[in-house]
Amino acid sequence: DMYMGGFFEALKPMYKIQWDSQVLHFATLAVPPVYNSDLESHTLPSSTLNDFINSKDWVLDATSSSIRTLHLLLFVPSQEHSPLVLLDSHDNPLSPPSLLISNWGGVSILNTPHPSSGGLAVSTQALQKPMEQYLGLLRQLLGVDTAQ
């Protein structure tokens, strides 16, 4: 509600939106990232982005076939693959680091420092940029004008 409440409220006359969340731990990518020394990052080229979701390892909740589901995934790369950069068709970094996946939804990458011990905690402040990216992805997926 903090990030999407106003947007969902504005869409009520057109869409019935339900917002659910799910956490997956240690999900691997379908295509392994490649280290790019020029960018000092692990990268995924645009040619592999439609295969970003590893449906064998990622058990994402599904709904009935009569309900249209849009998935919005926040992917936090492992320490081994951090930072992770998505590349466009000209091998330039995508900014913001997010993408649409046809007939599925969207993905936002959150590169965040990994603690030396204990679990990874993501602050509300760290979620602000990905939530803004989700809002942009939702606007694109739903065909909603960006001007308000």
Protein backbone atom coordinates (compact mmCIF):
# COMPACT_ATOMS: atom_id res chain seq x y z
CA ASP A 1 0.00 0.00 0.00
CA MET A 2 2.85 2.35 0.81
CA TYR A 3 4.11 2.35 -2.77
CA MET A 4 1.20 1.17 -4.91
CA GLY A 5 -1.94 2.11 -2.96
CA GLY A 6 -2.73 5.28 -4.90
CA PHE A 7 -2.12 3.62 -8.25
CA PHE A 8 -4.33 0.64 -7.40
CA GLU A 9 -7.05 2.97 -6.12
CA ALA A 10 -7.04 4.89 -9.42
CA LEU A 11 -7.42 1.60 -11.33
CA LYS A 12 -10.40 0.31 -9.32
CA PRO A 13 -12.96 1.33 -11.98
CA MET A 14 -11.09 -0.75 -14.61
CA TYR A 15 -9.35 -3.58 -12.77
CA LYS A 16 -9.83 -5.75 -9.73
CA ILE A 17 -6.31 -5.97 -8.32
CA GLN A 18 -5.15 -8.31 -5.59
CA TRP A 19 -1.62 -7.97 -4.28
CA ASP A 20 0.10 -11.04 -2.86
CA SER A 21 3.73 -11.66 -2.03
CA GLN A 22 5.95 -14.69 -1.89
CA VAL A 23 9.60 -15.13 -0.91
CA LEU A 24 11.88 -17.62 -2.63
CA HIS A 25 15.34 -18.28 -1.27
CA PHE A 26 18.35 -19.43 -3.25
CA ALA A 27 16.66 -19.52 -6.65
CA THR A 28 19.10 -19.97 -9.51
CA LEU A 29 18.90 -18.23 -12.87
CA ALA A 30 18.07 -20.22 -16.00
CA VAL A 31 21.09 -18.63 -17.70
CA PRO A 32 24.21 -18.02 -15.58
CA PRO A 33 25.55 -14.44 -15.56
CA VAL A 34 28.93 -13.75 -17.16
CA TYR A 35 31.49 -11.51 -15.49
CA ASN A 36 32.32 -8.36 -17.48
CA SER A 37 35.61 -6.83 -16.32
CA ASP A 38 34.89 -3.51 -18.11
CA LEU A 39 31.68 -3.07 -16.09
CA GLU A 40 33.09 -4.81 -13.00
CA SER A 41 29.78 -6.65 -12.85
CA HIS A 42 28.13 -9.90 -13.75
CA THR A 43 25.95 -9.43 -16.80
CA LEU A 44 23.01 -10.97 -18.60
CA PRO A 45 22.68 -10.02 -22.28
CA SER A 46 19.28 -9.09 -23.73
CA SER A 47 19.21 -12.30 -25.77
CA THR A 48 18.86 -14.30 -22.52
CA LEU A 49 16.34 -12.11 -20.69
CA ASN A 50 13.22 -13.95 -21.90
CA ASP A 51 14.72 -17.01 -20.20
CA PHE A 52 15.42 -15.13 -16.96
CA ILE A 53 12.86 -17.13 -14.97
CA ASN A 54 14.08 -20.62 -14.07
CA SER A 55 10.72 -22.39 -14.03
CA LYS A 56 12.34 -25.67 -12.95
CA ASP A 57 13.70 -24.21 -9.71
CA TRP A 58 11.35 -21.31 -9.08
CA VAL A 59 8.13 -22.54 -7.56
CA LEU A 60 5.98 -19.46 -8.01
CA ASP A 61 2.39 -19.65 -6.83
CA ALA A 62 -0.04 -19.85 -9.70
CA THR A 63 -3.68 -18.90 -9.87
CA SER A 64 -6.50 -20.46 -11.85
CA SER A 65 -6.36 -20.06 -15.60
CA SER A 66 -9.44 -17.81 -15.56
CA ILE A 67 -7.63 -15.12 -13.54
CA ARG A 68 -5.00 -13.00 -15.28
CA THR A 69 -1.87 -12.90 -13.13
CA LEU A 70 0.99 -10.45 -13.49
CA HIS A 71 4.15 -11.39 -11.63
CA LEU A 72 6.45 -8.68 -10.31
CA LEU A 73 9.68 -10.21 -9.17
CA LEU A 74 12.41 -8.57 -7.12
CA PHE A 75 15.61 -10.47 -7.80
CA VAL A 76 18.47 -10.04 -5.35
CA PRO A 77 21.54 -11.68 -6.91
CA SER A 78 23.73 -13.92 -4.80
CA GLN A 79 26.95 -12.48 -3.48
CA GLU A 80 28.72 -14.60 -6.10
CA HIS A 81 26.85 -12.78 -8.91
CA SER A 82 26.74 -9.27 -7.42
CA PRO A 83 26.42 -6.76 -8.81
CA LEU A 84 24.21 -8.05 -11.62
CA VAL A 85 23.66 -5.87 -14.69
CA LEU A 86 21.12 -6.46 -17.45
CA LEU A 87 22.34 -5.50 -20.92
CA ASP A 88 20.32 -4.13 -23.83
CA SER A 89 20.65 -5.34 -27.42
CA HIS A 90 23.73 -3.11 -27.86
CA ASP A 91 25.38 -4.51 -24.70
CA ASN A 92 24.75 -1.31 -22.74
CA PRO A 93 23.52 -1.57 -19.12
CA LEU A 94 19.75 -1.24 -18.75
CA SER A 95 18.74 1.62 -16.52
CA PRO A 96 16.68 1.06 -14.50
CA PRO A 97 17.70 -2.58 -14.06
CA SER A 98 14.28 -4.03 -14.86
CA LEU A 99 12.63 -5.90 -17.69
CA LEU A 100 9.29 -7.06 -19.00
CA ILE A 101 8.74 -10.74 -19.73
CA SER A 102 6.01 -11.38 -22.30
CA ASN A 103 2.85 -12.99 -20.93
CA TRP A 104 4.34 -13.16 -17.44
CA GLY A 105 5.15 -9.80 -15.84
CA GLY A 106 8.29 -7.99 -14.87
CA VAL A 107 11.55 -8.31 -12.99
CA SER A 108 13.55 -5.71 -11.10
CA ILE A 109 17.13 -6.34 -9.98
CA LEU A 110 18.19 -5.15 -6.53
CA ASN A 111 21.95 -5.07 -6.12
CA THR A 112 22.53 -4.69 -2.42
CA PRO A 113 25.52 -5.41 -0.16
CA HIS A 114 25.52 -8.86 1.40
CA PRO A 115 26.40 -9.03 5.11
CA SER A 116 29.43 -11.08 6.09
CA SER A 117 27.23 -13.10 8.43
CA GLY A 118 23.55 -13.55 9.07
CA GLY A 119 20.69 -13.05 6.65
CA LEU A 120 20.15 -10.33 4.12
CA ALA A 121 17.68 -7.66 5.24
CA VAL A 122 16.19 -5.24 2.72
CA SER A 123 15.11 -1.88 4.13
CA THR A 124 11.98 0.01 3.15
CA GLN A 125 14.22 2.70 1.69
CA ALA A 126 16.06 0.13 -0.47
CA LEU A 127 12.70 -1.01 -1.87
CA GLN A 128 11.74 2.46 -3.11
CA LYS A 129 13.56 2.24 -6.49
CA PRO A 130 12.32 -1.28 -7.30
CA MET A 131 8.76 -0.26 -6.41
CA GLU A 132 9.05 2.74 -8.75
CA GLN A 133 10.25 0.33 -11.43
CA TYR A 134 7.27 -1.95 -10.76
CA LEU A 135 4.96 1.01 -11.14
CA GLY A 136 6.51 1.72 -14.54
CA LEU A 137 6.25 -1.95 -15.53
CA LEU A 138 2.61 -2.07 -14.42
CA ARG A 139 1.84 1.05 -16.44
CA GLN A 140 3.38 -0.60 -19.51
CA LEU A 141 1.68 -3.96 -18.95
CA LEU A 142 -1.73 -2.41 -18.31
CA GLY A 143 -1.42 0.30 -20.98
CA VAL A 144 -1.94 3.09 -18.46
CA ASP A 145 -0.71 6.58 -19.36
CA THR A 146 2.19 7.85 -17.26
CA ALA A 147 0.78 11.39 -16.99
CA GLN A 148 -1.42 12.05 -13.96
